[in-house]
């Protein structure tokens, strides 16, 4: 990956300035996982946040994203 994995909210938000592609999305997901771990969150807590109802994603999209976050959690060091 060309972008470093974000380690705080500011670095994660700064990704908004980058052109969106698969690599940027992967970097953002890895950053969310890393930040959650640094905050001491469990995988269950993080997936609960992802699954929380919002106006951006529908239920199917939230479940799909939750599965991707879970895969990232398990595969990242």
N, C-alpha and C. Protein backbone atom coordinates (compact mmCIF):
# COMPACT_ATOMS: atom_id res chain seq x y z
N UNK A 1 0.83 -1.18 0.00
CA UNK A 1 0.00 0.00 0.00
C UNK A 1 0.88 1.24 0.00
N UNK A 2 0.45 2.23 -0.75
CA UNK A 2 1.19 3.48 -0.82
C UNK A 2 0.91 4.38 0.37
N UNK A 3 -0.30 4.31 0.91
CA UNK A 3 -0.67 5.13 2.06
C UNK A 3 -0.35 4.38 3.34
N UNK A 4 0.24 5.07 4.32
CA UNK A 4 0.46 4.41 5.61
C UNK A 4 -0.88 4.18 6.30
N UNK A 5 -0.94 3.14 7.11
CA UNK A 5 -2.17 2.85 7.85
C UNK A 5 -2.34 3.92 8.93
N UNK A 6 -3.50 4.58 8.94
CA UNK A 6 -3.75 5.62 9.94
C UNK A 6 -3.71 5.06 11.36
N UNK A 7 -3.19 5.88 12.29
CA UNK A 7 -3.15 5.44 13.69
C UNK A 7 -3.97 6.35 14.60
N UNK A 8 -4.64 7.34 13.99
CA UNK A 8 -5.53 8.20 14.77
C UNK A 8 -6.61 8.76 13.85
N UNK A 9 -7.61 9.37 14.46
CA UNK A 9 -8.75 9.87 13.69
C UNK A 9 -8.33 10.94 12.68
N UNK A 10 -7.39 11.78 13.04
CA UNK A 10 -6.95 12.84 12.14
C UNK A 10 -6.35 12.26 10.86
N UNK A 11 -5.51 11.24 11.01
CA UNK A 11 -4.91 10.61 9.83
C UNK A 11 -5.97 9.90 8.99
N UNK A 12 -6.95 9.32 9.65
CA UNK A 12 -8.03 8.65 8.94
C UNK A 12 -8.85 9.67 8.15
N UNK A 13 -9.17 10.78 8.77
CA UNK A 13 -9.94 11.84 8.11
C UNK A 13 -9.16 12.44 6.94
N UNK A 14 -7.84 12.51 7.07
CA UNK A 14 -7.01 13.06 6.01
C UNK A 14 -7.08 12.23 4.72
N UNK A 15 -7.49 10.98 4.84
CA UNK A 15 -7.63 10.15 3.65
C UNK A 15 -8.71 10.67 2.71
N UNK A 16 -9.60 11.50 3.22
CA UNK A 16 -10.66 12.09 2.38
C UNK A 16 -10.08 12.89 1.21
N UNK A 17 -8.87 13.38 1.37
CA UNK A 17 -8.25 14.21 0.34
C UNK A 17 -7.63 13.38 -0.79
N UNK A 18 -7.59 12.07 -0.61
CA UNK A 18 -6.98 11.18 -1.60
C UNK A 18 -8.04 10.68 -2.58
N UNK A 19 -7.62 10.37 -3.82
CA UNK A 19 -8.57 9.78 -4.76
C UNK A 19 -9.00 8.39 -4.27
N UNK A 20 -10.28 8.11 -4.38
CA UNK A 20 -10.82 6.84 -3.87
C UNK A 20 -10.53 5.72 -4.86
N UNK A 21 -9.90 4.68 -4.35
CA UNK A 21 -9.69 3.44 -5.10
C UNK A 21 -9.65 2.30 -4.10
N UNK A 22 -9.44 1.09 -4.59
CA UNK A 22 -9.44 -0.09 -3.71
C UNK A 22 -8.39 0.01 -2.63
N UNK A 23 -7.22 0.53 -2.98
CA UNK A 23 -6.13 0.64 -2.02
C UNK A 23 -6.48 1.61 -0.89
N UNK A 24 -7.10 2.73 -1.23
CA UNK A 24 -7.48 3.69 -0.21
C UNK A 24 -8.53 3.09 0.73
N UNK A 25 -9.48 2.37 0.18
CA UNK A 25 -10.51 1.73 1.00
C UNK A 25 -9.87 0.71 1.94
N UNK A 26 -8.95 -0.09 1.42
CA UNK A 26 -8.25 -1.07 2.26
C UNK A 26 -7.45 -0.36 3.36
N UNK A 27 -6.81 0.75 3.03
CA UNK A 27 -6.05 1.52 4.01
C UNK A 27 -6.97 2.05 5.10
N UNK A 28 -8.13 2.56 4.70
CA UNK A 28 -9.09 3.10 5.67
C UNK A 28 -9.60 2.00 6.60
N UNK A 29 -9.92 0.85 6.05
CA UNK A 29 -10.40 -0.26 6.88
C UNK A 29 -9.31 -0.71 7.84
N UNK A 30 -8.09 -0.83 7.35
CA UNK A 30 -6.97 -1.21 8.21
C UNK A 30 -6.77 -0.17 9.31
N UNK A 31 -6.95 1.09 8.96
CA UNK A 31 -6.82 2.16 9.96
C UNK A 31 -7.89 2.08 11.02
N UNK A 32 -9.11 1.81 10.62
CA UNK A 32 -10.20 1.67 11.59
C UNK A 32 -9.90 0.53 12.56
N UNK A 33 -9.41 -0.59 12.04
CA UNK A 33 -9.06 -1.73 12.89
C UNK A 33 -7.92 -1.35 13.84
N UNK A 34 -6.88 -0.72 13.30
CA UNK A 34 -5.72 -0.35 14.12
C UNK A 34 -6.12 0.63 15.23
N UNK A 35 -6.92 1.64 14.88
CA UNK A 35 -7.35 2.63 15.86
C UNK A 35 -8.20 1.97 16.94
N UNK A 36 -9.09 1.08 16.54
CA UNK A 36 -9.93 0.38 17.51
C UNK A 36 -9.07 -0.42 18.48
N UNK A 37 -8.08 -1.11 17.96
CA UNK A 37 -7.18 -1.87 18.83
C UNK A 37 -6.42 -0.96 19.79
N UNK A 38 -5.91 0.18 19.27
CA UNK A 38 -5.18 1.11 20.12
C UNK A 38 -6.06 1.67 21.24
N UNK A 39 -7.36 1.79 20.97
CA UNK A 39 -8.30 2.28 21.97
C UNK A 39 -8.74 1.17 22.93
N UNK A 40 -8.29 -0.06 22.67
CA UNK A 40 -8.65 -1.17 23.53
C UNK A 40 -10.00 -1.79 23.22
N UNK A 41 -10.55 -1.47 22.06
CA UNK A 41 -11.83 -2.05 21.68
C UNK A 41 -11.66 -3.51 21.28
N UNK A 42 -12.70 -4.29 21.48
CA UNK A 42 -12.72 -5.67 21.03
C UNK A 42 -13.32 -5.71 19.62
N UNK A 43 -13.15 -6.84 18.97
CA UNK A 43 -13.75 -7.02 17.65
C UNK A 43 -15.27 -6.90 17.76
N UNK A 44 -15.85 -7.46 18.81
CA UNK A 44 -17.30 -7.37 18.99
C UNK A 44 -17.76 -5.91 19.11
N UNK A 45 -17.01 -5.11 19.83
CA UNK A 45 -17.38 -3.69 19.98
C UNK A 45 -17.28 -2.96 18.64
N UNK A 46 -16.23 -3.25 17.88
CA UNK A 46 -16.05 -2.60 16.59
C UNK A 46 -17.15 -3.01 15.61
N UNK A 47 -17.45 -4.30 15.55
CA UNK A 47 -18.49 -4.72 14.62
C UNK A 47 -19.85 -4.18 15.04
N UNK A 48 -20.08 -4.01 16.33
CA UNK A 48 -21.34 -3.41 16.78
C UNK A 48 -21.45 -1.97 16.27
N UNK A 49 -20.33 -1.25 16.27
CA UNK A 49 -20.33 0.11 15.72
C UNK A 49 -20.64 0.10 14.23
N UNK A 50 -20.02 -0.83 13.51
CA UNK A 50 -20.24 -0.92 12.07
C UNK A 50 -21.70 -1.27 11.78
N UNK A 51 -22.28 -2.14 12.59
CA UNK A 51 -23.65 -2.58 12.36
C UNK A 51 -24.69 -1.58 12.85
N UNK A 52 -24.26 -0.58 13.61
CA UNK A 52 -25.19 0.41 14.14
C UNK A 52 -25.90 1.12 12.99
N UNK A 53 -27.20 1.25 13.11
CA UNK A 53 -28.01 1.86 12.06
C UNK A 53 -27.59 3.31 11.82
N UNK A 54 -27.41 3.66 10.56
CA UNK A 54 -27.09 5.03 10.19
C UNK A 54 -27.77 5.35 8.85
N UNK A 55 -27.60 6.56 8.41
CA UNK A 55 -28.25 6.97 7.16
C UNK A 55 -27.34 6.80 5.94
N UNK A 56 -26.12 6.30 6.15
CA UNK A 56 -25.17 6.19 5.04
C UNK A 56 -25.29 4.83 4.35
N UNK A 57 -25.33 3.76 5.15
CA UNK A 57 -25.39 2.41 4.59
C UNK A 57 -26.69 1.73 4.98
N UNK A 58 -27.19 0.88 4.10
CA UNK A 58 -28.36 0.10 4.48
C UNK A 58 -27.90 -1.14 5.24
N UNK A 59 -28.83 -1.92 5.73
CA UNK A 59 -28.50 -3.09 6.56
C UNK A 59 -27.61 -4.10 5.86
N UNK A 60 -27.88 -4.37 4.60
CA UNK A 60 -27.06 -5.33 3.85
C UNK A 60 -25.63 -4.82 3.72
N UNK A 61 -25.47 -3.54 3.42
CA UNK A 61 -24.13 -2.96 3.30
C UNK A 61 -23.39 -2.97 4.63
N UNK A 62 -24.10 -2.69 5.72
CA UNK A 62 -23.45 -2.71 7.05
C UNK A 62 -22.99 -4.11 7.40
N UNK A 63 -23.79 -5.13 7.11
CA UNK A 63 -23.37 -6.51 7.39
C UNK A 63 -22.17 -6.89 6.55
N UNK A 64 -22.18 -6.49 5.28
CA UNK A 64 -21.06 -6.79 4.39
C UNK A 64 -19.79 -6.11 4.90
N UNK A 65 -19.89 -4.85 5.28
CA UNK A 65 -18.73 -4.13 5.82
C UNK A 65 -18.26 -4.76 7.13
N UNK A 66 -19.19 -5.19 7.95
CA UNK A 66 -18.84 -5.86 9.20
C UNK A 66 -18.01 -7.12 8.94
N UNK A 67 -18.38 -7.87 7.92
CA UNK A 67 -17.62 -9.07 7.56
C UNK A 67 -16.21 -8.71 7.09
N UNK A 68 -16.09 -7.65 6.33
CA UNK A 68 -14.77 -7.21 5.85
C UNK A 68 -13.91 -6.74 7.03
N UNK A 69 -14.50 -5.99 7.95
CA UNK A 69 -13.77 -5.53 9.13
C UNK A 69 -13.31 -6.73 9.96
N UNK A 70 -14.16 -7.72 10.09
CA UNK A 70 -13.79 -8.92 10.83
C UNK A 70 -12.62 -9.64 10.17
N UNK A 71 -12.66 -9.76 8.85
CA UNK A 71 -11.54 -10.38 8.12
C UNK A 71 -10.26 -9.58 8.31
N UNK A 72 -10.37 -8.26 8.26
CA UNK A 72 -9.19 -7.41 8.44
C UNK A 72 -8.64 -7.57 9.85
N UNK A 73 -9.52 -7.61 10.84
CA UNK A 73 -9.10 -7.77 12.24
C UNK A 73 -8.30 -9.06 12.39
N UNK A 74 -8.77 -10.12 11.78
CA UNK A 74 -8.12 -11.42 11.93
C UNK A 74 -6.83 -11.54 11.14
N UNK A 75 -6.70 -10.76 10.08
CA UNK A 75 -5.51 -10.92 9.23
C UNK A 75 -4.41 -9.89 9.50
N UNK A 76 -4.75 -8.77 10.13
CA UNK A 76 -3.73 -7.75 10.40
C UNK A 76 -2.96 -8.09 11.68
N UNK A 77 -1.67 -7.80 11.68
CA UNK A 77 -0.87 -8.08 12.89
C UNK A 77 -1.26 -7.21 14.06
